[in-house]
Structure formats: C-alpha cells, structure tokens
Amino acid sequence: MAGSDFVELVLTCPSWQEAQRIADSVLEKRLVACAEFLEVKSKHWWNGHLNEAKEIRLVMRSLAENFEAVESEVARLHSYETFVLEQIPLTNLSAKAQTWLNQELNKLAGKI
C-alpha cells in the first residue's frame, strides 16, 4: 500500500474523558490503529466571540478510506456543536510502521 493511503486524523475534545471515549470507540472498531492525547490551549472565534480553552488534541493514525466512518463515530460521541476533524496524509512512513498499520487496520475487515 502506498504511504499516501495512511493518514493522521486530528480532533480536539473538551476533556480527557471525551477524548478517551472517542479514541476507545474508533480503536475498538479498528477504524484507527492508535491514538495519542495532547493537552493544548486553544483560542478560536465562536459565535462572534474570541474564546480561550484547554482542550485535548487527539491524533489518530488510520487509512484515508476510514475518514467517513471515523467522522460518523465522532459525530455520535462529540459534545461540540461544530467539531473539526482533519485528515493529514502521511506521504512518508517507515516500512515497519506501514506493515504494522496495515496489519492492525485490516484485521476487522478480514483482509489479512
């Protein structure tokens, strides 16, 4: 599989608990192979006001073809009225990481 088929999906969540719930769900469904949690401070415009918040940035590794399924699961579990789920292509990835991602993400689909 080409390296460009692998992606990072990035999402911010309002709490550790919500980030954990979302990560657990997409991991159990094998839509992502791993999830990393980073505490961040954000500033953003919302409804005409500048807001500042502590959030959890959830970074997940997956396949591009899983985006819609992950987005659907996030929509079901996320508390924000408007969440931002970003897909970032991984154009270069070590060979062993590619093998690991393929193995873990294809188990549910019975592809291996």
N, C-alpha and C. Protein backbone atom coordinates (compact mmCIF):
# COMPACT_ATOMS: atom_id res chain seq x y z
N MET A 1 0.84 -1.18 0.00
CA MET A 1 0.00 0.00 0.00
C MET A 1 0.88 1.23 0.00
N ALA A 2 0.54 2.22 -0.77
CA ALA A 2 1.34 3.44 -0.85
C ALA A 2 1.25 4.21 0.45
N GLY A 3 2.34 4.89 0.79
CA GLY A 3 2.37 5.68 2.01
C GLY A 3 1.28 6.73 2.05
N SER A 4 0.83 7.22 0.89
CA SER A 4 -0.18 8.27 0.87
C SER A 4 -1.56 7.76 1.28
N ASP A 5 -1.76 6.46 1.38
CA ASP A 5 -3.04 5.92 1.86
C ASP A 5 -3.16 6.02 3.37
N PHE A 6 -2.04 6.25 4.05
CA PHE A 6 -2.04 6.39 5.50
C PHE A 6 -2.25 7.86 5.85
N VAL A 7 -2.99 8.09 6.93
CA VAL A 7 -3.30 9.46 7.34
C VAL A 7 -3.23 9.60 8.85
N GLU A 8 -3.10 10.84 9.28
CA GLU A 8 -3.35 11.20 10.66
C GLU A 8 -4.67 11.92 10.69
N LEU A 9 -5.50 11.54 11.62
CA LEU A 9 -6.76 12.23 11.85
C LEU A 9 -6.60 13.01 13.14
N VAL A 10 -6.91 14.30 13.10
CA VAL A 10 -6.69 15.18 14.24
C VAL A 10 -8.02 15.78 14.66
N LEU A 11 -8.26 15.76 15.97
CA LEU A 11 -9.53 16.22 16.54
C LEU A 11 -9.26 16.83 17.90
N THR A 12 -9.90 17.95 18.21
CA THR A 12 -9.81 18.48 19.57
C THR A 12 -11.08 18.14 20.33
N CYS A 13 -10.91 17.87 21.62
CA CYS A 13 -12.01 17.49 22.50
C CYS A 13 -11.96 18.37 23.74
N PRO A 14 -13.10 18.61 24.38
CA PRO A 14 -13.12 19.49 25.54
C PRO A 14 -12.56 18.87 26.83
N SER A 15 -12.41 17.54 26.87
CA SER A 15 -11.95 16.90 28.11
C SER A 15 -11.22 15.60 27.79
N TRP A 16 -10.43 15.16 28.78
CA TRP A 16 -9.75 13.87 28.68
C TRP A 16 -10.78 12.75 28.53
N GLN A 17 -11.86 12.83 29.28
CA GLN A 17 -12.86 11.77 29.26
C GLN A 17 -13.50 11.62 27.88
N GLU A 18 -13.83 12.76 27.26
CA GLU A 18 -14.45 12.68 25.94
C GLU A 18 -13.44 12.17 24.89
N ALA A 19 -12.21 12.65 24.96
CA ALA A 19 -11.18 12.17 24.03
C ALA A 19 -10.97 10.67 24.20
N GLN A 20 -10.95 10.20 25.44
CA GLN A 20 -10.78 8.77 25.72
C GLN A 20 -11.96 7.95 25.17
N ARG A 21 -13.17 8.45 25.36
CA ARG A 21 -14.37 7.75 24.87
C ARG A 21 -14.34 7.62 23.34
N ILE A 22 -13.97 8.71 22.67
CA ILE A 22 -13.90 8.68 21.20
C ILE A 22 -12.79 7.75 20.74
N ALA A 23 -11.61 7.87 21.36
CA ALA A 23 -10.48 7.01 20.98
C ALA A 23 -10.83 5.54 21.20
N ASP A 24 -11.40 5.22 22.34
CA ASP A 24 -11.77 3.83 22.62
C ASP A 24 -12.72 3.28 21.56
N SER A 25 -13.69 4.09 21.18
CA SER A 25 -14.69 3.63 20.21
C SER A 25 -14.06 3.36 18.84
N VAL A 26 -13.27 4.30 18.32
CA VAL A 26 -12.69 4.09 16.98
C VAL A 26 -11.60 3.03 16.99
N LEU A 27 -10.92 2.86 18.14
CA LEU A 27 -9.94 1.78 18.26
C LEU A 27 -10.64 0.42 18.28
N GLU A 28 -11.71 0.30 19.06
CA GLU A 28 -12.44 -0.97 19.14
C GLU A 28 -13.02 -1.37 17.79
N LYS A 29 -13.41 -0.40 17.00
CA LYS A 29 -13.96 -0.68 15.66
C LYS A 29 -12.86 -0.84 14.61
N ARG A 30 -11.60 -0.71 15.03
CA ARG A 30 -10.41 -0.80 14.18
C ARG A 30 -10.45 0.19 13.02
N LEU A 31 -11.02 1.36 13.30
CA LEU A 31 -11.00 2.44 12.32
C LEU A 31 -9.69 3.21 12.38
N VAL A 32 -9.01 3.11 13.52
CA VAL A 32 -7.68 3.69 13.69
C VAL A 32 -6.80 2.64 14.35
N ALA A 33 -5.49 2.79 14.17
CA ALA A 33 -4.54 1.84 14.76
C ALA A 33 -4.01 2.33 16.09
N CYS A 34 -4.00 3.65 16.30
CA CYS A 34 -3.51 4.20 17.56
C CYS A 34 -4.07 5.60 17.76
N ALA A 35 -4.00 6.04 18.99
CA ALA A 35 -4.46 7.39 19.33
C ALA A 35 -3.49 7.99 20.34
N GLU A 36 -3.17 9.25 20.14
CA GLU A 36 -2.30 9.99 21.06
C GLU A 36 -3.08 11.17 21.60
N PHE A 37 -2.84 11.49 22.85
CA PHE A 37 -3.55 12.56 23.53
C PHE A 37 -2.56 13.66 23.92
N LEU A 38 -2.87 14.88 23.55
CA LEU A 38 -2.00 16.01 23.87
C LEU A 38 -2.85 17.12 24.48
N GLU A 39 -2.42 17.65 25.61
CA GLU A 39 -3.14 18.78 26.19
C GLU A 39 -2.71 20.05 25.46
N VAL A 40 -3.68 20.85 25.02
CA VAL A 40 -3.38 22.07 24.28
C VAL A 40 -4.22 23.22 24.83
N LYS A 41 -3.74 24.42 24.57
CA LYS A 41 -4.50 25.63 24.87
C LYS A 41 -4.90 26.22 23.54
N SER A 42 -6.19 26.48 23.33
CA SER A 42 -6.66 26.99 22.05
C SER A 42 -7.33 28.35 22.23
N LYS A 43 -7.26 29.10 21.15
CA LYS A 43 -8.02 30.33 21.02
C LYS A 43 -8.76 30.24 19.70
N HIS A 44 -10.03 30.61 19.71
CA HIS A 44 -10.82 30.49 18.49
C HIS A 44 -12.03 31.43 18.56
N TRP A 45 -12.52 31.77 17.40
CA TRP A 45 -13.75 32.54 17.31
C TRP A 45 -14.94 31.60 17.34
N TRP A 46 -15.95 31.92 18.13
CA TRP A 46 -17.19 31.15 18.15
C TRP A 46 -18.34 32.10 18.44
N ASN A 47 -19.30 32.12 17.54
CA ASN A 47 -20.47 32.98 17.67
C ASN A 47 -20.10 34.43 17.94
N GLY A 48 -19.08 34.93 17.22
CA GLY A 48 -18.70 36.33 17.32
C GLY A 48 -17.85 36.69 18.52
N HIS A 49 -17.45 35.71 19.31
CA HIS A 49 -16.63 35.97 20.50
C HIS A 49 -15.33 35.19 20.41
N LEU A 50 -14.25 35.83 20.88
CA LEU A 50 -12.97 35.15 20.94
C LEU A 50 -12.92 34.35 22.24
N ASN A 51 -12.71 33.06 22.11
CA ASN A 51 -12.69 32.16 23.26
C ASN A 51 -11.31 31.57 23.45
N GLU A 52 -11.04 31.18 24.67
CA GLU A 52 -9.80 30.50 25.03
C GLU A 52 -10.19 29.27 25.84
N ALA A 53 -9.56 28.14 25.54
CA ALA A 53 -9.94 26.90 26.23
C ALA A 53 -8.76 25.95 26.34
N LYS A 54 -8.80 25.12 27.36
CA LYS A 54 -7.90 23.98 27.45
C LYS A 54 -8.63 22.82 26.80
N GLU A 55 -7.97 22.18 25.86
CA GLU A 55 -8.58 21.07 25.15
C GLU A 55 -7.59 19.92 25.05
N ILE A 56 -8.10 18.78 24.61
CA ILE A 56 -7.27 17.62 24.35
C ILE A 56 -7.24 17.42 22.85
N ARG A 57 -6.05 17.39 22.30
CA ARG A 57 -5.86 17.13 20.87
C ARG A 57 -5.65 15.63 20.71
N LEU A 58 -6.52 15.03 19.95
CA LEU A 58 -6.49 13.60 19.71
C LEU A 58 -5.91 13.39 18.31
N VAL A 59 -4.79 12.68 18.23
CA VAL A 59 -4.12 12.39 16.96
C VAL A 59 -4.19 10.88 16.75
N MET A 60 -4.82 10.48 15.64
CA MET A 60 -5.06 9.07 15.37
C MET A 60 -4.47 8.70 14.01
N ARG A 61 -3.88 7.52 13.90
CA ARG A 61 -3.34 7.05 12.63
C ARG A 61 -4.31 6.04 12.02
N SER A 62 -4.54 6.21 10.72
CA SER A 62 -5.55 5.40 10.07
C SER A 62 -5.27 5.33 8.57
N LEU A 63 -6.28 4.90 7.84
CA LEU A 63 -6.28 4.87 6.38
C LEU A 63 -7.25 5.93 5.87
N ALA A 64 -6.94 6.54 4.75
CA ALA A 64 -7.80 7.58 4.18
C ALA A 64 -9.23 7.09 3.99
N GLU A 65 -9.39 5.84 3.62
CA GLU A 65 -10.73 5.30 3.36
C GLU A 65 -11.60 5.21 4.61
N ASN A 66 -11.01 5.36 5.79
CA ASN A 66 -11.77 5.27 7.04
C ASN A 66 -12.31 6.61 7.52
N PHE A 67 -11.99 7.70 6.82
CA PHE A 67 -12.37 9.03 7.30
C PHE A 67 -13.86 9.15 7.60
N GLU A 68 -14.71 8.78 6.66
CA GLU A 68 -16.16 8.96 6.85
C GLU A 68 -16.68 8.16 8.04
N ALA A 69 -16.17 6.95 8.22
CA ALA A 69 -16.61 6.13 9.36
C ALA A 69 -16.15 6.74 10.68
N VAL A 70 -14.92 7.26 10.71
CA VAL A 70 -14.44 7.94 11.92
C VAL A 70 -15.26 9.19 12.17
N GLU A 71 -15.51 9.96 11.13
CA GLU A 71 -16.30 11.18 11.27
C GLU A 71 -17.69 10.86 11.82
N SER A 72 -18.30 9.81 11.35
CA SER A 72 -19.62 9.40 11.83
C SER A 72 -19.59 9.05 13.32
N GLU A 73 -18.55 8.33 13.72
CA GLU A 73 -18.41 7.94 15.13
C GLU A 73 -18.14 9.17 16.00
N VAL A 74 -17.32 10.08 15.52
CA VAL A 74 -17.05 11.32 16.25
C VAL A 74 -18.35 12.12 16.40
N ALA A 75 -19.13 12.21 15.34
CA ALA A 75 -20.39 12.96 15.39
C ALA A 75 -21.34 12.38 16.44
N ARG A 76 -21.29 11.09 16.60
CA ARG A 76 -22.15 10.41 17.58
C ARG A 76 -21.70 10.70 19.02
N LEU A 77 -20.40 10.88 19.23
CA LEU A 77 -19.85 10.95 20.59
C LEU A 77 -19.37 12.34 21.03
N HIS A 78 -19.12 13.23 20.10
CA HIS A 78 -18.51 14.53 20.43
C HIS A 78 -19.56 15.50 20.94
N SER A 79 -19.19 16.31 21.92
CA SER A 79 -20.14 17.25 22.52
C SER A 79 -20.16 18.62 21.84
N TYR A 80 -19.16 18.94 21.01
CA TYR A 80 -19.16 20.23 20.34
C TYR A 80 -20.23 20.27 19.26
N GLU A 81 -20.90 21.41 19.15
CA GLU A 81 -21.87 21.62 18.09
C GLU A 81 -21.18 21.51 16.73
N THR A 82 -19.98 22.08 16.65
CA THR A 82 -19.18 22.02 15.42
C THR A 82 -17.79 21.54 15.80
N PHE A 83 -17.48 20.30 15.50
CA PHE A 83 -16.13 19.79 15.75
C PHE A 83 -15.34 19.86 14.45
N VAL A 84 -14.01 19.86 14.58
CA VAL A 84 -13.15 19.87 13.41
C VAL A 84 -12.34 18.58 13.43
N LEU A 85 -12.58 17.74 12.45
CA LEU A 85 -11.81 16.52 12.25
C LEU A 85 -11.00 16.74 10.98
N GLU A 86 -9.67 16.71 11.12
CA GLU A 86 -8.79 16.96 9.99
C GLU A 86 -8.12 15.66 9.55
N GLN A 87 -7.94 15.51 8.27
CA GLN A 87 -7.20 14.37 7.73
C GLN A 87 -5.92 14.90 7.10
N ILE A 88 -4.79 14.39 7.58
CA ILE A 88 -3.49 14.81 7.08
C ILE A 88 -2.81 13.60 6.45
N PRO A 89 -2.50 13.65 5.15
CA PRO A 89 -1.85 12.50 4.51
C PRO A 89 -0.43 12.28 5.05
N LEU A 90 -0.08 11.03 5.23
CA LEU A 90 1.28 10.67 5.62
C LEU A 90 1.99 10.20 4.35
N THR A 91 2.73 11.08 3.76
CA THR A 91 3.35 10.76 2.47
C THR A 91 4.62 9.94 2.62
N ASN A 92 5.27 10.01 3.76
CA ASN A 92 6.45 9.21 4.03
C ASN A 92 6.28 8.55 5.39
N LEU A 93 6.43 7.25 5.40
CA LEU A 93 6.25 6.48 6.62
C LEU A 93 7.19 5.30 6.58
N SER A 94 7.84 5.02 7.70
CA SER A 94 8.80 3.91 7.72
C SER A 94 8.12 2.60 7.35
N ALA A 95 8.87 1.71 6.74
CA ALA A 95 8.33 0.45 6.22
C ALA A 95 7.69 -0.38 7.33
N LYS A 96 8.34 -0.48 8.48
CA LYS A 96 7.77 -1.27 9.57
C LYS A 96 6.49 -0.65 10.10
N ALA A 97 6.40 0.67 10.12
CA ALA A 97 5.17 1.33 10.55
C ALA A 97 4.05 1.05 9.55
N GLN A 98 4.36 1.04 8.26
CA GLN A 98 3.35 0.72 7.25
C GLN A 98 2.83 -0.70 7.44
N THR A 99 3.72 -1.63 7.69
CA THR A 99 3.33 -3.02 7.91
C THR A 99 2.42 -3.13 9.13
N TRP A 100 2.82 -2.49 10.21
CA TRP A 100 2.02 -2.52 11.45
C TRP A 100 0.63 -1.92 11.22
N LEU A 101 0.56 -0.75 10.58
CA LEU A 101 -0.73 -0.11 10.32
C LEU A 101 -1.62 -1.01 9.47
N ASN A 102 -1.06 -1.58 8.42
CA ASN A 102 -1.83 -2.49 7.56
C ASN A 102 -2.37 -3.67 8.36
N GLN A 103 -1.53 -4.28 9.17
CA GLN A 103 -1.96 -5.44 9.96
C GLN A 103 -3.09 -5.08 10.91
N GLU A 104 -2.93 -3.99 11.63
CA GLU A 104 -3.92 -3.63 12.63
C GLU A 104 -5.23 -3.12 12.03
N LEU A 105 -5.16 -2.37 10.97
CA LEU A 105 -6.36 -1.78 10.38
C LEU A 105 -7.12 -2.77 9.50
N ASN A 106 -6.46 -3.81 9.03
CA ASN A 106 -7.13 -4.76 8.15
C ASN A 106 -7.67 -5.98 8.88
N LYS A 107 -7.41 -6.12 10.17
CA LYS A 107 -7.89 -7.28 10.91
C LYS A 107 -9.41 -7.37 10.94
N LEU A 108 -10.06 -6.24 11.20
CA LEU A 108 -11.51 -6.24 11.31
C LEU A 108 -12.17 -6.60 9.98
N ALA A 109 -11.59 -6.10 8.91
CA ALA A 109 -12.17 -6.35 7.59
C ALA A 109 -11.86 -7.74 7.06
N GLY A 110 -11.07 -8.49 7.81
CA GLY A 110 -10.71 -9.84 7.40
C GLY A 110 -9.83 -9.86 6.16
N LYS A 111 -9.09 -8.77 5.96
CA LYS A 111 -8.24 -8.66 4.77
C LYS A 111 -6.93 -9.39 4.95
N ILE A 112 -6.57 -9.76 6.21
CA ILE A 112 -5.32 -10.49 6.39
C ILE A 112 -5.58 -11.75 7.17
